[in-house]
C-alpha cells in the first residue's frame, strides 16, 4: 500500500499487464500497459491523450506461462498525467481480489522461478 501522503481511499496494487481500451465513439483501440489497479479503476502508461469522461471498453490481459486471462469491463477516462491515463470503472471490479492473490504475475514473473502456488 502507498504511504500516508497518498490521498486515495482505496487500496491500489502495482500490477503490470496489457490493457486494450476500445473507445467506441471514435472506433479507436489503444493498446497500453497497466501500471496499477484498485477496485474502481486503473492507471495505464501511454503518451496518447483521450478526453476526460470519454467512455471505453476495458480488457485487462494477464499472461502466465501456460495460460491467459482476460477481464472485461466498462469505464471512462477520469484523468491525465504526464505518464498516462487514469481510467475509472463504471462499476466496482468484482475481480479485484484476484490481483492481490496473483500479484506475482504482475511483477515481471518471466525472469523468476515459478512460485509454489499450491501448498
N, C-alpha and C. Protein backbone atom coordinates (compact mmCIF):
# COMPACT_ATOMS: atom_id res chain seq x y z
N UNK A 1 0.85 -1.17 0.00
CA UNK A 1 0.00 0.00 0.00
C UNK A 1 0.89 1.24 0.00
N UNK A 2 0.38 2.32 -0.52
CA UNK A 2 1.14 3.56 -0.63
C UNK A 2 1.31 4.24 0.73
N UNK A 3 2.13 5.29 0.76
CA UNK A 3 2.41 6.00 2.02
C UNK A 3 1.22 6.83 2.46
N UNK A 4 1.30 7.40 3.65
CA UNK A 4 0.21 8.20 4.20
C UNK A 4 -0.02 9.48 3.41
N UNK A 5 0.95 9.90 2.60
CA UNK A 5 0.78 11.08 1.77
C UNK A 5 -0.22 10.81 0.64
N UNK A 6 -0.49 9.54 0.38
CA UNK A 6 -1.44 9.15 -0.65
C UNK A 6 -2.85 9.46 -0.17
N UNK A 7 -3.61 10.21 -0.94
CA UNK A 7 -4.95 10.63 -0.53
C UNK A 7 -6.03 9.69 -1.04
N UNK A 8 -5.66 8.61 -1.71
CA UNK A 8 -6.65 7.66 -2.21
C UNK A 8 -7.35 6.98 -1.05
N UNK A 9 -8.63 6.67 -1.28
CA UNK A 9 -9.41 6.00 -0.25
C UNK A 9 -9.42 4.48 -0.45
N UNK A 10 -8.90 4.01 -1.59
CA UNK A 10 -8.93 2.59 -1.91
C UNK A 10 -7.51 2.04 -1.99
N UNK A 11 -7.36 0.76 -1.70
CA UNK A 11 -6.07 0.09 -1.84
C UNK A 11 -5.74 0.00 -3.32
N UNK A 12 -4.51 0.32 -3.66
CA UNK A 12 -4.04 0.27 -5.05
C UNK A 12 -2.89 -0.73 -5.10
N UNK A 13 -2.94 -1.63 -6.08
CA UNK A 13 -1.93 -2.67 -6.23
C UNK A 13 -1.12 -2.39 -7.49
N UNK A 14 0.21 -2.35 -7.34
CA UNK A 14 1.07 -2.26 -8.51
C UNK A 14 0.97 -3.58 -9.26
N UNK A 15 0.57 -3.51 -10.52
CA UNK A 15 0.36 -4.73 -11.30
C UNK A 15 0.49 -4.37 -12.76
N UNK A 16 1.50 -4.90 -13.43
CA UNK A 16 1.69 -4.60 -14.84
C UNK A 16 1.00 -5.67 -15.69
N UNK A 17 0.21 -5.21 -16.65
CA UNK A 17 -0.49 -6.10 -17.56
C UNK A 17 -0.83 -5.33 -18.82
N UNK A 18 -1.07 -6.06 -19.89
CA UNK A 18 -1.52 -5.43 -21.13
C UNK A 18 -2.99 -5.03 -20.97
N UNK A 19 -3.33 -3.86 -21.50
CA UNK A 19 -4.71 -3.39 -21.47
C UNK A 19 -5.08 -2.90 -22.87
N UNK A 20 -6.25 -3.32 -23.32
CA UNK A 20 -6.82 -2.80 -24.56
C UNK A 20 -8.01 -1.94 -24.18
N UNK A 21 -7.98 -0.69 -24.62
CA UNK A 21 -9.09 0.24 -24.37
C UNK A 21 -9.76 0.53 -25.71
N UNK A 22 -11.04 0.21 -25.82
CA UNK A 22 -11.78 0.47 -27.05
C UNK A 22 -12.72 1.65 -26.81
N UNK A 23 -12.46 2.71 -27.56
CA UNK A 23 -13.28 3.92 -27.49
C UNK A 23 -14.24 3.86 -28.67
N UNK A 24 -15.45 3.37 -28.41
CA UNK A 24 -16.40 3.08 -29.48
C UNK A 24 -16.85 4.32 -30.25
N UNK A 25 -16.99 5.45 -29.60
CA UNK A 25 -17.46 6.66 -30.28
C UNK A 25 -16.53 7.04 -31.43
N UNK A 26 -15.23 6.80 -31.25
CA UNK A 26 -14.26 7.16 -32.29
C UNK A 26 -13.71 5.93 -33.01
N UNK A 27 -14.18 4.73 -32.63
CA UNK A 27 -13.69 3.48 -33.19
C UNK A 27 -12.16 3.39 -33.08
N UNK A 28 -11.64 3.78 -31.90
CA UNK A 28 -10.20 3.81 -31.64
C UNK A 28 -9.85 2.74 -30.62
N UNK A 29 -8.79 1.98 -30.87
CA UNK A 29 -8.31 0.96 -29.95
C UNK A 29 -6.93 1.35 -29.46
N UNK A 30 -6.77 1.45 -28.15
CA UNK A 30 -5.49 1.81 -27.54
C UNK A 30 -4.94 0.59 -26.82
N UNK A 31 -3.73 0.19 -27.17
CA UNK A 31 -3.02 -0.91 -26.53
C UNK A 31 -2.01 -0.25 -25.58
N UNK A 32 -2.16 -0.48 -24.27
CA UNK A 32 -1.31 0.21 -23.29
C UNK A 32 -0.88 -0.77 -22.21
N UNK A 33 0.00 -0.31 -21.32
CA UNK A 33 0.47 -1.11 -20.19
C UNK A 33 -0.17 -0.58 -18.91
N UNK A 34 -0.89 -1.47 -18.21
CA UNK A 34 -1.46 -1.11 -16.92
C UNK A 34 -0.33 -1.08 -15.90
N UNK A 35 -0.28 -0.04 -15.09
CA UNK A 35 0.75 0.09 -14.05
C UNK A 35 0.21 -0.28 -12.67
N UNK A 36 -1.07 0.01 -12.42
CA UNK A 36 -1.66 -0.34 -11.13
C UNK A 36 -3.18 -0.41 -11.26
N UNK A 37 -3.79 -0.99 -10.22
CA UNK A 37 -5.23 -1.21 -10.24
C UNK A 37 -5.78 -1.05 -8.83
N UNK A 38 -7.02 -0.58 -8.74
CA UNK A 38 -7.76 -0.59 -7.48
C UNK A 38 -9.17 -1.06 -7.82
N UNK A 39 -10.02 -1.17 -6.85
CA UNK A 39 -11.35 -1.72 -7.08
C UNK A 39 -12.18 -0.86 -8.04
N UNK A 40 -11.83 0.44 -8.15
CA UNK A 40 -12.64 1.30 -9.01
C UNK A 40 -11.89 1.92 -10.18
N UNK A 41 -10.68 1.41 -10.51
CA UNK A 41 -10.01 1.95 -11.68
C UNK A 41 -8.60 1.43 -11.87
N UNK A 42 -7.99 1.87 -12.99
CA UNK A 42 -6.62 1.51 -13.33
C UNK A 42 -5.87 2.75 -13.81
N UNK A 43 -4.55 2.63 -13.83
CA UNK A 43 -3.72 3.65 -14.46
C UNK A 43 -2.95 2.96 -15.56
N UNK A 44 -2.98 3.54 -16.78
CA UNK A 44 -2.25 2.98 -17.90
C UNK A 44 -1.19 3.96 -18.37
N UNK A 45 -0.05 3.40 -18.73
CA UNK A 45 1.07 4.18 -19.23
C UNK A 45 0.89 4.39 -20.73
N UNK A 46 0.80 5.64 -21.18
CA UNK A 46 0.64 5.94 -22.59
C UNK A 46 0.92 7.41 -22.85
N UNK A 47 1.34 7.72 -24.06
CA UNK A 47 1.50 9.12 -24.46
C UNK A 47 0.24 9.65 -25.12
N UNK A 48 -0.69 8.75 -25.43
CA UNK A 48 -1.95 9.13 -26.08
C UNK A 48 -2.85 9.85 -25.08
N UNK A 49 -3.48 10.93 -25.52
CA UNK A 49 -4.40 11.67 -24.67
C UNK A 49 -5.81 11.52 -25.22
N UNK A 50 -6.71 11.12 -24.36
CA UNK A 50 -8.12 10.96 -24.68
C UNK A 50 -8.88 11.89 -23.74
N UNK A 51 -9.91 12.53 -24.24
CA UNK A 51 -10.66 13.50 -23.43
C UNK A 51 -11.22 12.86 -22.16
N UNK A 52 -11.16 13.59 -21.06
CA UNK A 52 -11.75 13.15 -19.79
C UNK A 52 -13.24 12.91 -20.01
N UNK A 53 -13.76 11.88 -19.37
CA UNK A 53 -15.15 11.42 -19.44
C UNK A 53 -15.48 10.63 -20.71
N UNK A 54 -14.48 10.32 -21.54
CA UNK A 54 -14.72 9.50 -22.72
C UNK A 54 -14.93 8.05 -22.28
N UNK A 55 -16.07 7.44 -22.61
CA UNK A 55 -16.32 6.05 -22.22
C UNK A 55 -15.47 5.08 -23.04
N UNK A 56 -15.19 3.92 -22.44
CA UNK A 56 -14.40 2.91 -23.12
C UNK A 56 -14.75 1.52 -22.60
N UNK A 57 -14.41 0.52 -23.40
CA UNK A 57 -14.48 -0.89 -23.01
C UNK A 57 -13.06 -1.28 -22.65
N UNK A 58 -12.89 -1.88 -21.48
CA UNK A 58 -11.56 -2.21 -20.95
C UNK A 58 -11.36 -3.72 -20.98
N UNK A 59 -10.21 -4.15 -21.52
CA UNK A 59 -9.80 -5.55 -21.48
C UNK A 59 -8.43 -5.60 -20.82
N UNK A 60 -8.36 -6.15 -19.61
CA UNK A 60 -7.10 -6.36 -18.91
C UNK A 60 -6.67 -7.79 -19.24
N UNK A 61 -5.47 -7.93 -19.79
CA UNK A 61 -4.99 -9.23 -20.25
C UNK A 61 -3.80 -9.65 -19.40
N UNK A 62 -3.95 -10.78 -18.71
CA UNK A 62 -2.90 -11.28 -17.82
C UNK A 62 -2.36 -12.57 -18.43
N UNK A 63 -1.08 -12.54 -18.77
CA UNK A 63 -0.42 -13.71 -19.37
C UNK A 63 0.41 -14.42 -18.32
N UNK A 64 0.28 -15.73 -18.28
CA UNK A 64 1.11 -16.59 -17.45
C UNK A 64 1.80 -17.58 -18.39
N UNK A 65 2.74 -18.36 -17.89
CA UNK A 65 3.48 -19.25 -18.79
C UNK A 65 2.60 -20.20 -19.60
N UNK A 66 1.48 -20.67 -19.03
CA UNK A 66 0.68 -21.68 -19.70
C UNK A 66 -0.78 -21.29 -19.91
N UNK A 67 -1.11 -20.03 -19.66
CA UNK A 67 -2.50 -19.61 -19.81
C UNK A 67 -2.59 -18.09 -19.95
N UNK A 68 -3.79 -17.65 -20.27
CA UNK A 68 -4.05 -16.22 -20.44
C UNK A 68 -5.44 -15.94 -19.89
N UNK A 69 -5.57 -14.86 -19.15
CA UNK A 69 -6.84 -14.46 -18.56
C UNK A 69 -7.18 -13.05 -19.04
N UNK A 70 -8.41 -12.84 -19.48
CA UNK A 70 -8.86 -11.50 -19.87
C UNK A 70 -10.04 -11.11 -19.00
N UNK A 71 -9.95 -9.94 -18.40
CA UNK A 71 -11.05 -9.39 -17.61
C UNK A 71 -11.60 -8.20 -18.37
N UNK A 72 -12.90 -8.20 -18.63
CA UNK A 72 -13.54 -7.15 -19.40
C UNK A 72 -14.52 -6.37 -18.52
N UNK A 73 -14.53 -5.05 -18.72
CA UNK A 73 -15.48 -4.20 -18.02
C UNK A 73 -15.58 -2.87 -18.76
N UNK A 74 -16.48 -2.03 -18.31
CA UNK A 74 -16.67 -0.71 -18.92
C UNK A 74 -16.12 0.36 -17.99
N UNK A 75 -15.69 1.47 -18.59
CA UNK A 75 -15.18 2.58 -17.80
C UNK A 75 -15.11 3.84 -18.62
N UNK A 76 -14.34 4.79 -18.11
CA UNK A 76 -14.18 6.08 -18.78
C UNK A 76 -12.88 6.72 -18.31
N UNK A 77 -12.34 7.60 -19.15
CA UNK A 77 -11.12 8.34 -18.79
C UNK A 77 -11.49 9.32 -17.69
N UNK A 78 -10.77 9.27 -16.57
CA UNK A 78 -11.08 10.18 -15.46
C UNK A 78 -9.99 11.20 -15.20
N UNK A 79 -8.77 10.97 -15.73
CA UNK A 79 -7.70 11.95 -15.53
C UNK A 79 -6.53 11.67 -16.45
N UNK A 80 -5.68 12.69 -16.60
CA UNK A 80 -4.42 12.58 -17.34
C UNK A 80 -3.29 12.94 -16.40
N UNK A 81 -2.13 12.42 -16.64
CA UNK A 81 -0.91 12.97 -16.04
C UNK A 81 0.20 12.75 -17.06
N UNK A 82 1.39 13.27 -16.83
CA UNK A 82 2.44 13.19 -17.85
C UNK A 82 2.78 11.77 -18.33
N UNK A 83 2.53 10.76 -17.49
CA UNK A 83 2.90 9.41 -17.90
C UNK A 83 1.74 8.55 -18.38
N UNK A 84 0.50 9.05 -18.33
CA UNK A 84 -0.59 8.22 -18.80
C UNK A 84 -1.97 8.70 -18.46
N UNK A 85 -2.90 7.72 -18.41
CA UNK A 85 -4.31 7.99 -18.20
C UNK A 85 -4.84 7.23 -17.00
N UNK A 86 -5.69 7.88 -16.22
CA UNK A 86 -6.46 7.20 -15.19
C UNK A 86 -7.78 6.79 -15.80
N UNK A 87 -8.15 5.54 -15.64
CA UNK A 87 -9.40 5.01 -16.17
C UNK A 87 -10.25 4.53 -14.99
N UNK A 88 -11.44 5.10 -14.84
CA UNK A 88 -12.35 4.68 -13.77
C UNK A 88 -13.29 3.61 -14.32
N UNK A 89 -13.56 2.60 -13.50
CA UNK A 89 -14.53 1.58 -13.88
C UNK A 89 -15.93 2.14 -13.69
N UNK A 90 -16.85 1.73 -14.55
CA UNK A 90 -18.25 2.13 -14.43
C UNK A 90 -18.83 1.57 -13.12
N UNK A 91 -18.43 0.36 -12.78
CA UNK A 91 -18.85 -0.31 -11.53
C UNK A 91 -17.60 -0.86 -10.86
N UNK A 92 -17.64 -1.03 -9.55
CA UNK A 92 -16.50 -1.63 -8.86
C UNK A 92 -16.19 -2.99 -9.46
N UNK A 93 -14.91 -3.32 -9.54
CA UNK A 93 -14.45 -4.55 -10.16
C UNK A 93 -14.57 -5.72 -9.18
N UNK A 94 -15.46 -6.66 -9.49
CA UNK A 94 -15.65 -7.83 -8.61
C UNK A 94 -14.39 -8.68 -8.53
N UNK A 95 -13.54 -8.64 -9.55
CA UNK A 95 -12.35 -9.48 -9.63
C UNK A 95 -11.12 -8.85 -8.96
N UNK A 96 -11.29 -7.76 -8.25
CA UNK A 96 -10.15 -7.04 -7.69
C UNK A 96 -9.28 -7.93 -6.80
N UNK A 97 -9.87 -8.79 -5.98
CA UNK A 97 -9.09 -9.65 -5.07
C UNK A 97 -8.11 -10.53 -5.83
N UNK A 98 -8.44 -10.88 -7.07
CA UNK A 98 -7.55 -11.68 -7.91
C UNK A 98 -6.16 -11.05 -7.99
N UNK A 99 -6.09 -9.72 -8.11
CA UNK A 99 -4.81 -9.04 -8.33
C UNK A 99 -3.90 -9.12 -7.11
N UNK A 100 -4.45 -9.13 -5.91
CA UNK A 100 -3.59 -9.27 -4.74
C UNK A 100 -3.15 -10.72 -4.56
N UNK A 101 -4.02 -11.67 -4.90
CA UNK A 101 -3.68 -13.09 -4.78
C UNK A 101 -2.59 -13.46 -5.79
N UNK A 102 -2.69 -12.95 -7.01
CA UNK A 102 -1.76 -13.31 -8.08
C UNK A 102 -0.83 -12.15 -8.44
N UNK A 103 -0.51 -11.34 -7.45
CA UNK A 103 0.35 -10.17 -7.66
C UNK A 103 1.68 -10.56 -8.33
N UNK A 104 2.14 -11.76 -8.07
CA UNK A 104 3.38 -12.28 -8.66
C UNK A 104 3.39 -12.12 -10.18
N UNK A 105 2.25 -12.39 -10.83
CA UNK A 105 2.20 -12.34 -12.29
C UNK A 105 2.20 -10.92 -12.84
N UNK A 106 2.02 -9.93 -12.00
CA UNK A 106 2.06 -8.55 -12.44
C UNK A 106 3.38 -7.86 -12.16
N UNK A 107 4.40 -8.63 -11.78
CA UNK A 107 5.68 -8.04 -11.40
C UNK A 107 6.85 -8.69 -12.11
N UNK A 108 6.73 -8.93 -13.40
CA UNK A 108 7.85 -9.46 -14.16
C UNK A 108 8.20 -10.89 -13.85
N UNK A 109 7.19 -11.75 -13.67
CA UNK A 109 7.43 -13.14 -13.32
C UNK A 109 8.28 -13.88 -14.34
N UNK A 110 8.36 -13.36 -15.58
CA UNK A 110 9.08 -14.07 -16.63
C UNK A 110 10.52 -14.36 -16.24
N UNK A 111 11.11 -13.54 -15.39
CA UNK A 111 12.52 -13.68 -15.03
C UNK A 111 12.72 -14.37 -13.68
N UNK A 112 11.67 -14.92 -13.12
CA UNK A 112 11.77 -15.55 -11.80
C UNK A 112 11.34 -17.01 -11.90
N UNK A 113 11.78 -17.83 -10.95
CA UNK A 113 11.28 -19.21 -10.93
C UNK A 113 9.80 -19.21 -10.53
N UNK A 114 9.07 -20.23 -10.94
CA UNK A 114 7.65 -20.31 -10.63
C UNK A 114 7.44 -20.42 -9.12
N UNK A 115 6.42 -19.71 -8.60
CA UNK A 115 6.13 -19.81 -7.17
C UNK A 115 5.39 -21.11 -6.88
N UNK A 116 5.45 -21.55 -5.65
CA UNK A 116 4.66 -22.71 -5.24
C UNK A 116 3.30 -22.20 -4.83
N UNK A 117 2.34 -22.15 -5.79
CA UNK A 117 1.04 -21.57 -5.53
C UNK A 117 0.12 -22.55 -4.78
N UNK A 118 0.45 -23.84 -4.77
CA UNK A 118 -0.34 -24.83 -4.08
C UNK A 118 0.51 -25.45 -2.98
N UNK A 119 0.05 -25.36 -1.76
CA UNK A 119 0.82 -25.92 -0.65
C UNK A 119 0.32 -27.30 -0.29
